[in-house]
PDB file of N, CA and C in Angstrom:
ATOM      1  N   GLN A   1     -27.269 -11.599 -14.043  1.00  0.00           N
ATOM      2  CA  GLN A   1     -26.138 -11.266 -13.192  1.00  0.00           C
ATOM      3  C   GLN A   1     -24.862 -11.848 -13.796  1.00  0.00           C
ATOM      4  N   VAL A   2     -23.903 -10.975 -14.028  1.00  0.00           N
ATOM      5  CA  VAL A   2     -22.642 -11.409 -14.617  1.00  0.00           C
ATOM      6  C   VAL A   2     -21.778 -12.068 -13.552  1.00  0.00           C
ATOM      7  N   GLN A   3     -21.249 -13.220 -13.899  1.00  0.00           N
ATOM      8  CA  GLN A   3     -20.300 -13.896 -13.015  1.00  0.00           C
ATOM      9  C   GLN A   3     -19.094 -14.354 -13.829  1.00  0.00           C
ATOM     10  N   LEU A   4     -17.934 -14.228 -13.225  1.00  0.00           N
ATOM     11  CA  LEU A   4     -16.684 -14.662 -13.843  1.00  0.00           C
ATOM     12  C   LEU A   4     -16.002 -15.648 -12.902  1.00  0.00           C
ATOM     13  N   VAL A   5     -15.652 -16.800 -13.421  1.00  0.00           N
ATOM     14  CA  VAL A   5     -14.988 -17.824 -12.616  1.00  0.00           C
ATOM     15  C   VAL A   5     -13.637 -18.129 -13.239  1.00  0.00           C
ATOM     16  N   GLU A   6     -12.601 -17.899 -12.453  1.00  0.00           N
ATOM     17  CA  GLU A   6     -11.242 -18.107 -12.941  1.00  0.00           C
ATOM     18  C   GLU A   6     -10.699 -19.457 -12.506  1.00  0.00           C
ATOM     19  N   SER A   7      -9.760 -19.955 -13.301  1.00  0.00           N
ATOM     20  CA  SER A   7      -9.062 -21.181 -12.946  1.00  0.00           C
ATOM     21  C   SER A   7      -7.713 -21.187 -13.654  1.00  0.00           C
ATOM     22  N   GLY A   8      -6.846 -22.110 -13.227  1.00  0.00           N
ATOM     23  CA  GLY A   8      -5.593 -22.318 -13.941  1.00  0.00           C
ATOM     24  C   GLY A   8      -4.345 -21.829 -13.237  1.00  0.00           C
ATOM     25  N   GLY A   9      -4.482 -21.165 -12.101  1.00  0.00           N
ATOM     26  CA  GLY A   9      -3.296 -20.721 -11.393  1.00  0.00           C
ATOM     27  C   GLY A   9      -2.575 -21.887 -10.740  1.00  0.00           C
ATOM     28  N   GLY A  10      -1.414 -21.579 -10.163  1.00  0.00           N
ATOM     29  CA  GLY A  10      -0.665 -22.616  -9.470  1.00  0.00           C
ATOM     30  C   GLY A  10       0.773 -22.208  -9.245  1.00  0.00           C
ATOM     31  N   LEU A  11       1.563 -23.202  -8.870  1.00  0.00           N
ATOM     32  CA  LEU A  11       2.995 -23.021  -8.625  1.00  0.00           C
ATOM     33  C   LEU A  11       3.767 -23.541  -9.828  1.00  0.00           C
ATOM     34  N   VAL A  12       4.672 -22.721 -10.335  1.00  0.00           N
ATOM     35  CA  VAL A  12       5.448 -23.122 -11.498  1.00  0.00           C
ATOM     36  C   VAL A  12       6.876 -22.615 -11.327  1.00  0.00           C
ATOM     37  N   GLN A  13       7.819 -23.333 -11.889  1.00  0.00           N
ATOM     38  CA  GLN A  13       9.211 -22.922 -11.828  1.00  0.00           C
ATOM     39  C   GLN A  13       9.473 -21.789 -12.832  1.00  0.00           C
ATOM     40  N   PRO A  14      10.474 -20.992 -12.580  1.00  0.00           N
ATOM     41  CA  PRO A  14      10.840 -19.956 -13.562  1.00  0.00           C
ATOM     42  C   PRO A  14      11.066 -20.572 -14.939  1.00  0.00           C
ATOM     43  N   GLY A  15      10.551 -19.888 -15.943  1.00  0.00           N
ATOM     44  CA  GLY A  15      10.637 -20.406 -17.295  1.00  0.00           C
ATOM     45  C   GLY A  15       9.453 -21.261 -17.698  1.00  0.00           C
ATOM     46  N   GLY A  16       8.618 -21.597 -16.738  1.00  0.00           N
ATOM     47  CA  GLY A  16       7.474 -22.446 -17.023  1.00  0.00           C
ATOM     48  C   GLY A  16       6.291 -21.681 -17.585  1.00  0.00           C
ATOM     49  N   SER A  17       5.188 -22.410 -17.776  1.00  0.00           N
ATOM     50  CA  SER A  17       3.985 -21.847 -18.393  1.00  0.00           C
ATOM     51  C   SER A  17       2.744 -22.206 -17.602  1.00  0.00           C
ATOM     52  N   LEU A  18       1.768 -21.334 -17.689  1.00  0.00           N
ATOM     53  CA  LEU A  18       0.436 -21.583 -17.153  1.00  0.00           C
ATOM     54  C   LEU A  18      -0.582 -20.956 -18.093  1.00  0.00           C
ATOM     55  N   ARG A  19      -1.781 -21.513 -18.088  1.00  0.00           N
ATOM     56  CA  ARG A  19      -2.870 -20.897 -18.836  1.00  0.00           C
ATOM     57  C   ARG A  19      -4.027 -20.641 -17.881  1.00  0.00           C
ATOM     58  N   LEU A  20      -4.394 -19.393 -17.773  1.00  0.00           N
ATOM     59  CA  LEU A  20      -5.532 -19.012 -16.941  1.00  0.00           C
ATOM     60  C   LEU A  20      -6.795 -18.986 -17.792  1.00  0.00           C
ATOM     61  N   SER A  21      -7.899 -19.378 -17.183  1.00  0.00           N
ATOM     62  CA  SER A  21      -9.195 -19.327 -17.845  1.00  0.00           C
ATOM     63  C   SER A  21     -10.132 -18.432 -17.053  1.00  0.00           C
ATOM     64  N   CYS A  22     -11.041 -17.796 -17.754  1.00  0.00           N
ATOM     65  CA  CYS A  22     -12.046 -16.934 -17.131  1.00  0.00           C
ATOM     66  C   CYS A  22     -13.372 -17.228 -17.817  1.00  0.00           C
ATOM     67  N   ALA A  23     -14.205 -18.015 -17.149  1.00  0.00           N
ATOM     68  CA  ALA A  23     -15.491 -18.420 -17.704  1.00  0.00           C
ATOM     69  C   ALA A  23     -16.575 -17.443 -17.281  1.00  0.00           C
ATOM     70  N   ALA A  24     -17.291 -16.903 -18.269  1.00  0.00           N
ATOM     71  CA  ALA A  24     -18.321 -15.909 -17.994  1.00  0.00           C
ATOM     72  C   ALA A  24     -19.709 -16.534 -18.064  1.00  0.00           C
ATOM     73  N   SER A  25     -20.596 -16.057 -17.216  1.00  0.00           N
ATOM     74  CA  SER A  25     -22.001 -16.442 -17.272  1.00  0.00           C
ATOM     75  C   SER A  25     -22.848 -15.198 -17.051  1.00  0.00           C
ATOM     76  N   GLY A  26     -24.067 -15.237 -17.575  1.00  0.00           N
ATOM     77  CA  GLY A  26     -24.959 -14.102 -17.420  1.00  0.00           C
ATOM     78  C   GLY A  26     -24.725 -12.994 -18.422  1.00  0.00           C
ATOM     79  N   VAL A  27     -23.809 -13.218 -19.353  1.00  0.00           N
ATOM     80  CA  VAL A  27     -23.494 -12.208 -20.355  1.00  0.00           C
ATOM     81  C   VAL A  27     -22.889 -12.899 -21.564  1.00  0.00           C
ATOM     82  N   ASP A  28     -23.092 -12.319 -22.740  1.00  0.00           N
ATOM     83  CA  ASP A  28     -22.465 -12.833 -23.950  1.00  0.00           C
ATOM     84  C   ASP A  28     -21.094 -12.191 -24.078  1.00  0.00           C
ATOM     85  N   LEU A  29     -20.071 -13.013 -23.862  1.00  0.00           N
ATOM     86  CA  LEU A  29     -18.700 -12.510 -23.865  1.00  0.00           C
ATOM     87  C   LEU A  29     -18.342 -11.803 -25.164  1.00  0.00           C
ATOM     88  N   ALA A  30     -18.959 -12.212 -26.257  1.00  0.00           N
ATOM     89  CA  ALA A  30     -18.567 -11.748 -27.581  1.00  0.00           C
ATOM     90  C   ALA A  30     -18.654 -10.235 -27.745  1.00  0.00           C
ATOM     91  N   GLY A  31     -19.507  -9.597 -26.977  1.00  0.00           N
ATOM     92  CA  GLY A  31     -19.738  -8.182 -27.191  1.00  0.00           C
ATOM     93  C   GLY A  31     -18.852  -7.237 -26.409  1.00  0.00           C
ATOM     94  N   TYR A  32     -17.915  -7.783 -25.629  1.00  0.00           N
ATOM     95  CA  TYR A  32     -17.175  -6.942 -24.690  1.00  0.00           C
ATOM     96  C   TYR A  32     -15.688  -7.248 -24.695  1.00  0.00           C
ATOM     97  N   PRO A  33     -14.872  -6.249 -24.399  1.00  0.00           N
ATOM     98  CA  PRO A  33     -13.461  -6.525 -24.169  1.00  0.00           C
ATOM     99  C   PRO A  33     -13.282  -7.185 -22.803  1.00  0.00           C
ATOM    100  N   MET A  34     -12.247  -7.994 -22.709  1.00  0.00           N
ATOM    101  CA  MET A  34     -11.907  -8.620 -21.417  1.00  0.00           C
ATOM    102  C   MET A  34     -10.528  -8.144 -20.996  1.00  0.00           C
ATOM    103  N   GLY A  35     -10.415  -7.781 -19.750  1.00  0.00           N
ATOM    104  CA  GLY A  35      -9.130  -7.343 -19.216  1.00  0.00           C
ATOM    105  C   GLY A  35      -8.564  -8.347 -18.234  1.00  0.00           C
ATOM    106  N   TRP A  36      -7.254  -8.364 -18.136  1.00  0.00           N
ATOM    107  CA  TRP A  36      -6.542  -9.190 -17.150  1.00  0.00           C
ATOM    108  C   TRP A  36      -5.699  -8.255 -16.293  1.00  0.00           C
ATOM    109  N   TYR A  37      -5.709  -8.504 -15.006  1.00  0.00           N
ATOM    110  CA  TYR A  37      -4.992  -7.674 -14.042  1.00  0.00           C
ATOM    111  C   TYR A  37      -4.282  -8.603 -13.063  1.00  0.00           C
ATOM    112  N   ARG A  38      -3.353  -8.046 -12.322  1.00  0.00           N
ATOM    113  CA  ARG A  38      -2.690  -8.824 -11.280  1.00  0.00           C
ATOM    114  C   ARG A  38      -2.342  -7.927 -10.111  1.00  0.00           C
ATOM    115  N   GLN A  39      -2.247  -8.561  -8.951  1.00  0.00           N
ATOM    116  CA  GLN A  39      -1.871  -7.846  -7.740  1.00  0.00           C
ATOM    117  C   GLN A  39      -0.866  -8.675  -6.962  1.00  0.00           C
ATOM    118  N   ALA A  40       0.335  -8.144  -6.880  1.00  0.00           N
ATOM    119  CA  ALA A  40       1.390  -8.805  -6.116  1.00  0.00           C
ATOM    120  C   ALA A  40       1.305  -8.365  -4.656  1.00  0.00           C
ATOM    121  N   PRO A  41       1.847  -9.158  -3.751  1.00  0.00           N
ATOM    122  CA  PRO A  41       1.801  -8.804  -2.327  1.00  0.00           C
ATOM    123  C   PRO A  41       2.391  -7.423  -2.067  1.00  0.00           C
ATOM    124  N   GLY A  42       1.650  -6.585  -1.375  1.00  0.00           N
ATOM    125  CA  GLY A  42       2.127  -5.270  -1.017  1.00  0.00           C
ATOM    126  C   GLY A  42       2.095  -4.247  -2.134  1.00  0.00           C
ATOM    127  N   LYS A  43       1.524  -4.635  -3.277  1.00  0.00           N
ATOM    128  CA  LYS A  43       1.486  -3.718  -4.418  1.00  0.00           C
ATOM    129  C   LYS A  43       0.049  -3.477  -4.865  1.00  0.00           C
ATOM    130  N   GLN A  44      -0.131  -2.412  -5.638  1.00  0.00           N
ATOM    131  CA  GLN A  44      -1.445  -2.125  -6.181  1.00  0.00           C
ATOM    132  C   GLN A  44      -1.747  -3.055  -7.353  1.00  0.00           C
ATOM    133  N   ARG A  45      -3.046  -3.248  -7.590  1.00  0.00           N
ATOM    134  CA  ARG A  45      -3.450  -4.044  -8.741  1.00  0.00           C
ATOM    135  C   ARG A  45      -3.020  -3.326 -10.011  1.00  0.00           C
ATOM    136  N   GLU A  46      -2.459  -4.070 -10.956  1.00  0.00           N
ATOM    137  CA  GLU A  46      -2.014  -3.477 -12.193  1.00  0.00           C
ATOM    138  C   GLU A  46      -2.647  -4.179 -13.392  1.00  0.00           C
ATOM    139  N   TRP A  47      -2.852  -3.415 -14.426  1.00  0.00           N
ATOM    140  CA  TRP A  47      -3.373  -3.953 -15.670  1.00  0.00           C
ATOM    141  C   TRP A  47      -2.282  -4.775 -16.352  1.00  0.00           C
ATOM    142  N   VAL A  48      -2.674  -5.915 -16.919  1.00  0.00           N
ATOM    143  CA  VAL A  48      -1.731  -6.803 -17.596  1.00  0.00           C
ATOM    144  C   VAL A  48      -2.017  -6.876 -19.095  1.00  0.00           C
ATOM    145  N   ALA A  49      -3.292  -7.067 -19.450  1.00  0.00           N
ATOM    146  CA  ALA A  49      -3.616  -7.291 -20.862  1.00  0.00           C
ATOM    147  C   ALA A  49      -5.086  -7.008 -21.101  1.00  0.00           C
ATOM    148  N   THR A  50      -5.401  -6.706 -22.337  1.00  0.00           N
ATOM    149  CA  THR A  50      -6.786  -6.562 -22.779  1.00  0.00           C
ATOM    150  C   THR A  50      -6.946  -7.230 -24.125  1.00  0.00           C
ATOM    151  N   ILE A  51      -8.067  -7.918 -24.289  1.00  0.00           N
ATOM    152  CA  ILE A  51      -8.436  -8.428 -25.600  1.00  0.00           C
ATOM    153  C   ILE A  51      -9.793  -7.833 -25.937  1.00  0.00           C
ATOM    154  N   THR A  52      -9.874  -7.172 -27.093  1.00  0.00           N
ATOM    155  CA  THR A  52     -11.118  -6.506 -27.470  1.00  0.00           C
ATOM    156  C   THR A  52     -12.131  -7.521 -28.001  1.00  0.00           C
ATOM    157  N   SER A  53     -13.331  -7.050 -28.225  1.00  0.00           N
ATOM    158  CA  SER A  53     -14.360  -7.929 -28.780  1.00  0.00           C
ATOM    159  C   SER A  53     -13.958  -8.414 -30.172  1.00  0.00           C
ATOM    160  N   GLY A  54     -13.122  -7.652 -30.843  1.00  0.00           N
ATOM    161  CA  GLY A  54     -12.662  -8.047 -32.171  1.00  0.00           C
ATOM    162  C   GLY A  54     -11.411  -8.894 -32.168  1.00  0.00           C
ATOM    163  N   GLY A  55     -10.878  -9.135 -30.973  1.00  0.00           N
ATOM    164  CA  GLY A  55      -9.710  -9.999 -30.859  1.00  0.00           C
ATOM    165  C   GLY A  55      -8.380  -9.275 -30.837  1.00  0.00           C
ATOM    166  N   ASN A  56      -8.387  -7.950 -30.877  1.00  0.00           N
ATOM    167  CA  ASN A  56      -7.129  -7.218 -30.762  1.00  0.00           C
ATOM    168  C   ASN A  56      -6.644  -7.248 -29.322  1.00  0.00           C
ATOM    169  N   THR A  57      -5.327  -7.274 -29.159  1.00  0.00           N
ATOM    170  CA  THR A  57      -4.754  -7.395 -27.833  1.00  0.00           C
ATOM    171  C   THR A  57      -3.756  -6.284 -27.542  1.00  0.00           C
ATOM    172  N   ASN A  58      -3.652  -5.964 -26.264  1.00  0.00           N
ATOM    173  CA  ASN A  58      -2.653  -5.027 -25.767  1.00  0.00           C
ATOM    174  C   ASN A  58      -2.113  -5.574 -24.459  1.00  0.00           C
ATOM    175  N   TYR A  59      -0.821  -5.297 -24.219  1.00  0.00           N
ATOM    176  CA  TYR A  59      -0.166  -5.847 -23.040  1.00  0.00           C
ATOM    177  C   TYR A  59       0.683  -4.790 -22.349  1.00  0.00           C
ATOM    178  N   VAL A  60       0.812  -4.945 -21.033  1.00  0.00           N
ATOM    179  CA  VAL A  60       1.797  -4.149 -20.323  1.00  0.00           C
ATOM    180  C   VAL A  60       3.168  -4.568 -20.815  1.00  0.00           C
ATOM    181  N   HIS A  61       4.091  -3.627 -20.859  1.00  0.00           N
ATOM    182  CA  HIS A  61       5.394  -3.888 -21.471  1.00  0.00           C
ATOM    183  C   HIS A  61       6.106  -5.088 -20.855  1.00  0.00           C
ATOM    184  N   SER A  62       5.945  -5.273 -19.559  1.00  0.00           N
ATOM    185  CA  SER A  62       6.693  -6.317 -18.853  1.00  0.00           C
ATOM    186  C   SER A  62       6.297  -7.736 -19.264  1.00  0.00           C
ATOM    187  N   VAL A  63       5.153  -7.896 -19.921  1.00  0.00           N
ATOM    188  CA  VAL A  63       4.723  -9.251 -20.306  1.00  0.00           C
ATOM    189  C   VAL A  63       4.656  -9.430 -21.819  1.00  0.00           C
ATOM    190  N   GLU A  64       4.922  -8.372 -22.575  1.00  0.00           N
ATOM    191  CA  GLU A  64       4.860  -8.476 -24.034  1.00  0.00           C
ATOM    192  C   GLU A  64       5.816  -9.554 -24.532  1.00  0.00           C
ATOM    193  N   GLY A  65       5.301 -10.372 -25.448  1.00  0.00           N
ATOM    194  CA  GLY A  65       6.103 -11.455 -25.999  1.00  0.00           C
ATOM    195  C   GLY A  65       6.081 -12.723 -25.160  1.00  0.00           C
ATOM    196  N   ARG A  66       5.544 -12.651 -23.940  1.00  0.00           N
ATOM    197  CA  ARG A  66       5.480 -13.832 -23.075  1.00  0.00           C
ATOM    198  C   ARG A  66       4.036 -14.244 -22.797  1.00  0.00           C
ATOM    199  N   PHE A  67       3.145 -13.293 -22.684  1.00  0.00           N
ATOM    200  CA  PHE A  67       1.739 -13.568 -22.383  1.00  0.00           C
ATOM    201  C   PHE A  67       0.892 -13.368 -23.639  1.00  0.00           C
ATOM    202  N   THR A  68      -0.146 -14.186 -23.756  1.00  0.00           N
ATOM    203  CA  THR A  68      -1.078 -14.058 -24.876  1.00  0.00           C
ATOM    204  C   THR A  68      -2.507 -14.173 -24.371  1.00  0.00           C
ATOM    205  N   ALA A  69      -3.283 -13.133 -24.611  1.00  0.00           N
ATOM    206  CA  ALA A  69      -4.703 -13.170 -24.267  1.00  0.00           C
ATOM    207  C   ALA A  69      -5.491 -13.679 -25.466  1.00  0.00           C
ATOM    208  N   SER A  70      -6.490 -14.486 -25.203  1.00  0.00           N
ATOM    209  CA  SER A  70      -7.330 -15.007 -26.268  1.00  0.00           C
ATOM    210  C   SER A  70      -8.743 -15.178 -25.723  1.00  0.00           C
ATOM    211  N   ARG A  71      -9.657 -15.536 -26.618  1.00  0.00           N
ATOM    212  CA  ARG A  71     -11.036 -15.727 -26.186  1.00  0.00           C
ATOM    213  C   ARG A  71     -11.694 -16.760 -27.082  1.00  0.00           C
ATOM    214  N   ASP A  72     -12.593 -17.525 -26.501  1.00  0.00           N
ATOM    215  CA  ASP A  72     -13.408 -18.479 -27.237  1.00  0.00           C
ATOM    216  C   ASP A  72     -14.860 -18.081 -26.966  1.00  0.00           C
ATOM    217  N   ASN A  73     -15.419 -17.328 -27.885  1.00  0.00           N
ATOM    218  CA  ASN A  73     -16.778 -16.822 -27.665  1.00  0.00           C
ATOM    219  C   ASN A  73     -17.802 -17.951 -27.597  1.00  0.00           C
ATOM    220  N   ALA A  74     -17.539 -19.032 -28.304  1.00  0.00           N
ATOM    221  CA  ALA A  74     -18.477 -20.164 -28.266  1.00  0.00           C
ATOM    222  C   ALA A  74     -18.542 -20.782 -26.867  1.00  0.00           C
ATOM    223  N   LYS A  75     -17.412 -20.737 -26.161  1.00  0.00           N
ATOM    224  CA  LYS A  75     -17.366 -21.275 -24.805  1.00  0.00           C
ATOM    225  C   LYS A  75     -17.580 -20.183 -23.751  1.00  0.00           C
ATOM    226  N   ASN A  76     -17.736 -18.929 -24.241  1.00  0.00           N
ATOM    227  CA  ASN A  76     -17.920 -17.808 -23.319  1.00  0.00           C
ATOM    228  C   ASN A  76     -16.782 -17.713 -22.305  1.00  0.00           C
ATOM    229  N   THR A  77     -15.576 -17.944 -22.776  1.00  0.00           N
ATOM    230  CA  THR A  77     -14.407 -18.034 -21.908  1.00  0.00           C
ATOM    231  C   THR A  77     -13.241 -17.261 -22.499  1.00  0.00           C
ATOM    232  N   GLY A  78     -12.529 -16.555 -21.622  1.00  0.00           N
ATOM    233  CA  GLY A  78     -11.294 -15.910 -22.015  1.00  0.00           C
ATOM    234  C   GLY A  78     -10.112 -16.626 -21.405  1.00  0.00           C
ATOM    235  N   TYR A  79      -8.938 -16.421 -22.019  1.00  0.00           N
ATOM    236  CA  TYR A  79      -7.736 -17.131 -21.574  1.00  0.00           C
ATOM    237  C   TYR A  79      -6.558 -16.166 -21.515  1.00  0.00           C
ATOM    238  N   LEU A  80      -5.626 -16.500 -20.634  1.00  0.00           N
ATOM    239  CA  LEU A  80      -4.350 -15.800 -20.600  1.00  0.00           C
ATOM    240  C   LEU A  80      -3.261 -16.868 -20.555  1.00  0.00           C
ATOM    241  N   GLN A  81      -2.593 -17.043 -21.677  1.00  0.00           N
ATOM    242  CA  GLN A  81      -1.471 -17.980 -21.763  1.00  0.00           C
ATOM    243  C   GLN A  81      -0.216 -17.253 -21.303  1.00  0.00           C
ATOM    244  N   MET A  82       0.451 -17.815 -20.329  1.00  0.00           N
ATOM    245  CA  MET A  82       1.633 -17.178 -19.753  1.00  0.00           C
ATOM    246  C   MET A  82       2.828 -18.094 -19.923  1.00  0.00           C
ATOM    247  N   ASN A  83       3.796 -17.661 -20.691  1.00  0.00           N
ATOM    248  CA  ASN A  83       5.011 -18.430 -20.948  1.00  0.00           C
ATOM    249  C   ASN A  83       6.220 -17.712 -20.379  1.00  0.00           C
ATOM    250  N   SER A  84       7.312 -18.437 -20.274  1.00  0.00           N
ATOM    251  CA  SER A  84       8.568 -17.866 -19.781  1.00  0.00           C
ATOM    252  C   SER A  84       8.343 -17.085 -18.491  1.00  0.00           C
ATOM    253  N   LEU A  85       7.636 -17.713 -17.585  1.00  0.00           N
ATOM    254  CA  LEU A  85       7.271 -17.022 -16.346  1.00  0.00           C
ATOM    255  C   LEU A  85       8.495 -16.698 -15.502  1.00  0.00           C
ATOM    256  N   LYS A  86       8.404 -15.564 -14.826  1.00  0.00           N
ATOM    257  CA  LYS A  86       9.486 -15.068 -13.978  1.00  0.00           C
ATOM    258  C   LYS A  86       8.973 -14.928 -12.538  1.00  0.00           C
ATOM    259  N   PRO A  87       9.856 -14.946 -11.560  1.00  0.00           N
ATOM    260  CA  PRO A  87       9.405 -14.755 -10.174  1.00  0.00           C
ATOM    261  C   PRO A  87       8.607 -13.468  -9.983  1.00  0.00           C
ATOM    262  N   GLU A  88       8.934 -12.439 -10.733  1.00  0.00           N
ATOM    263  CA  GLU A  88       8.211 -11.171 -10.591  1.00  0.00           C
ATOM    264  C   GLU A  88       6.799 -11.220 -11.168  1.00  0.00           C
ATOM    265  N   ASP A  89       6.441 -12.321 -11.822  1.00  0.00           N
ATOM    266  CA  ASP A  89       5.068 -12.506 -12.283  1.00  0.00           C
ATOM    267  C   ASP A  89       4.167 -13.050 -11.169  1.00  0.00           C
ATOM    268  N   THR A  90       4.763 -13.393 -10.042  1.00  0.00           N
ATOM    269  CA  THR A  90       3.978 -13.920  -8.927  1.00  0.00           C
ATOM    270  C   THR A  90       2.959 -12.884  -8.463  1.00  0.00           C
ATOM    271  N   ALA A  91       1.691 -13.292  -8.431  1.00  0.00           N
ATOM    272  CA  ALA A  91       0.610 -12.381  -8.074  1.00  0.00           C
ATOM    273  C   ALA A  91      -0.711 -13.148  -8.100  1.00  0.00           C
ATOM    274  N   VAL A  92      -1.741 -12.502  -7.613  1.00  0.00           N
ATOM    275  CA  VAL A  92      -3.100 -12.975  -7.841  1.00  0.00           C
ATOM    276  C   VAL A  92      -3.574 -12.328  -9.130  1.00  0.00           C
ATOM    277  N   TYR A  93      -4.049 -13.151 -10.042  1.00  0.00           N
ATOM    278  CA  TYR A  93      -4.489 -12.669 -11.348  1.00  0.00           C
ATOM    279  C   TYR A  93      -6.014 -12.623 -11.394  1.00  0.00           C
ATOM    280  N   TYR A  94      -6.524 -11.546 -11.977  1.00  0.00           N
ATOM    281  CA  TYR A  94      -7.965 -11.320 -12.067  1.00  0.00           C
ATOM    282  C   TYR A  94      -8.358 -11.052 -13.512  1.00  0.00           C
ATOM    283  N   CYS A  95      -9.527 -11.555 -13.900  1.00  0.00           N
ATOM    284  CA  CYS A  95     -10.112 -11.135 -15.166  1.00  0.00           C
ATOM    285  C   CYS A  95     -11.222 -10.129 -14.858  1.00  0.00           C
ATOM    286  N   ARG A  96     -11.500  -9.301 -15.862  1.00  0.00           N
ATOM    287  CA  ARG A  96     -12.522  -8.277 -15.707  1.00  0.00           C
ATOM    288  C   ARG A  96     -13.337  -8.182 -16.979  1.00  0.00           C
ATOM    289  N   LEU A  97     -14.646  -8.112 -16.821  1.00  0.00           N
ATOM    290  CA  LEU A  97     -15.566  -7.969 -17.944  1.00  0.00           C
ATOM    291  C   LEU A  97     -16.636  -6.969 -17.525  1.00  0.00           C
ATOM    292  N   ILE A  98     -16.747  -5.899 -18.277  1.00  0.00           N
ATOM    293  CA  ILE A  98     -17.636  -4.778 -17.929  1.00  0.00           C
ATOM    294  C   ILE A  98     -17.167  -4.287 -16.551  1.00  0.00           C
ATOM    295  N   ASP A  99     -18.010  -4.326 -15.549  1.00  0.00           N
ATOM    296  CA  ASP A  99     -17.590  -3.896 -14.209  1.00  0.00           C
ATOM    297  C   ASP A  99     -17.488  -5.068 -13.245  1.00  0.00           C
ATOM    298  N   CYS A 100     -17.408  -6.277 -13.805  1.00  0.00           N
ATOM    299  CA  CYS A 100     -17.374  -7.463 -12.969  1.00  0.00           C
ATOM    300  C   CYS A 100     -15.967  -8.049 -12.939  1.00  0.00           C
ATOM    301  N   TRP A 101     -15.564  -8.500 -11.768  1.00  0.00           N
ATOM    302  CA  TRP A 101     -14.245  -9.090 -11.591  1.00  0.00           C
ATOM    303  C   TRP A 101     -14.374 -10.578 -11.254  1.00  0.00           C
ATOM    304  N   GLY A 102     -13.401 -11.360 -11.724  1.00  0.00           N
ATOM    305  CA  GLY A 102     -13.311 -12.734 -11.275  1.00  0.00           C
ATOM    306  C   GLY A 102     -12.820 -12.782  -9.837  1.00  0.00           C
ATOM    307  N   GLN A 103     -12.816 -13.980  -9.281  1.00  0.00           N
ATOM    308  CA  GLN A 103     -12.445 -14.131  -7.871  1.00  0.00           C
ATOM    309  C   GLN A 103     -10.938 -14.090  -7.659  1.00  0.00           C
ATOM    310  N   GLY A 104     -10.190 -14.196  -8.724  1.00  0.00           N
ATOM    311  CA  GLY A 104      -8.741 -14.191  -8.636  1.00  0.00           C
ATOM    312  C   GLY A 104      -8.184 -15.595  -8.533  1.00  0.00           C
ATOM    313  N   THR A 105      -6.999 -15.792  -9.098  1.00  0.00           N
ATOM    314  CA  THR A 105      -6.308 -17.072  -9.021  1.00  0.00           C
ATOM    315  C   THR A 105      -4.826 -16.797  -8.784  1.00  0.00           C
ATOM    316  N   GLN A 106      -4.264 -17.543  -7.834  1.00  0.00           N
ATOM    317  CA  GLN A 106      -2.876 -17.301  -7.428  1.00  0.00           C
ATOM    318  C   GLN A 106      -1.914 -17.932  -8.424  1.00  0.00           C
ATOM    319  N   VAL A 107      -0.949 -17.157  -8.845  1.00  0.00           N
ATOM    320  CA  VAL A 107       0.158 -17.644  -9.659  1.00  0.00           C
ATOM    321  C   VAL A 107       1.443 -17.397  -8.884  1.00  0.00           C
ATOM    322  N   THR A 108       2.173 -18.464  -8.635  1.00  0.00           N
ATOM    323  CA  THR A 108       3.440 -18.365  -7.914  1.00  0.00           C
ATOM    324  C   THR A 108       4.542 -18.946  -8.776  1.00  0.00           C
ATOM    325  N   VAL A 109       5.555 -18.142  -9.031  1.00  0.00           N
ATOM    326  CA  VAL A 109       6.693 -18.569  -9.838  1.00  0.00           C
ATOM    327  C   VAL A 109       7.911 -18.644  -8.929  1.00  0.00           C
ATOM    328  N   SER A 110       8.349 -19.856  -8.664  1.00  0.00           N
ATOM    329  CA  SER A 110       9.434 -20.056  -7.710  1.00  0.00           C
ATOM    330  C   SER A 110      10.118 -21.381  -7.972  1.00  0.00           C
ATOM    331  N   SER A 111      11.413 -21.421  -7.706  1.00  0.00           N
ATOM    332  CA  SER A 111      12.148 -22.668  -7.819  1.00  0.00           C
ATOM    333  C   SER A 111      12.197 -23.382  -6.467  1.00  0.00           C
TER     334      SER A 111
END
């Protein structure tokens, strides 16, 4: 049974940074792409980033140059480094692997 456990969210001031983690169990992370999504209050969940099994990355335009997806296959964990955070980045962030979703972690960007 695949399980994803997220951590790393919190409250940060505009311009600050956070790193989200997504620890996988029940599956070898190395063989699959991992996606990151977010859902802001009153909005639909949107795709943020993908890192392929080979380490290639793609990002939604609004986070390009600020967010970096990475993975540590030895630790079976994916990461989303978020820099230069803006209030509009406030959302619950989710990781996705195959058809499994993490529980979500709240990111709030506010002064």
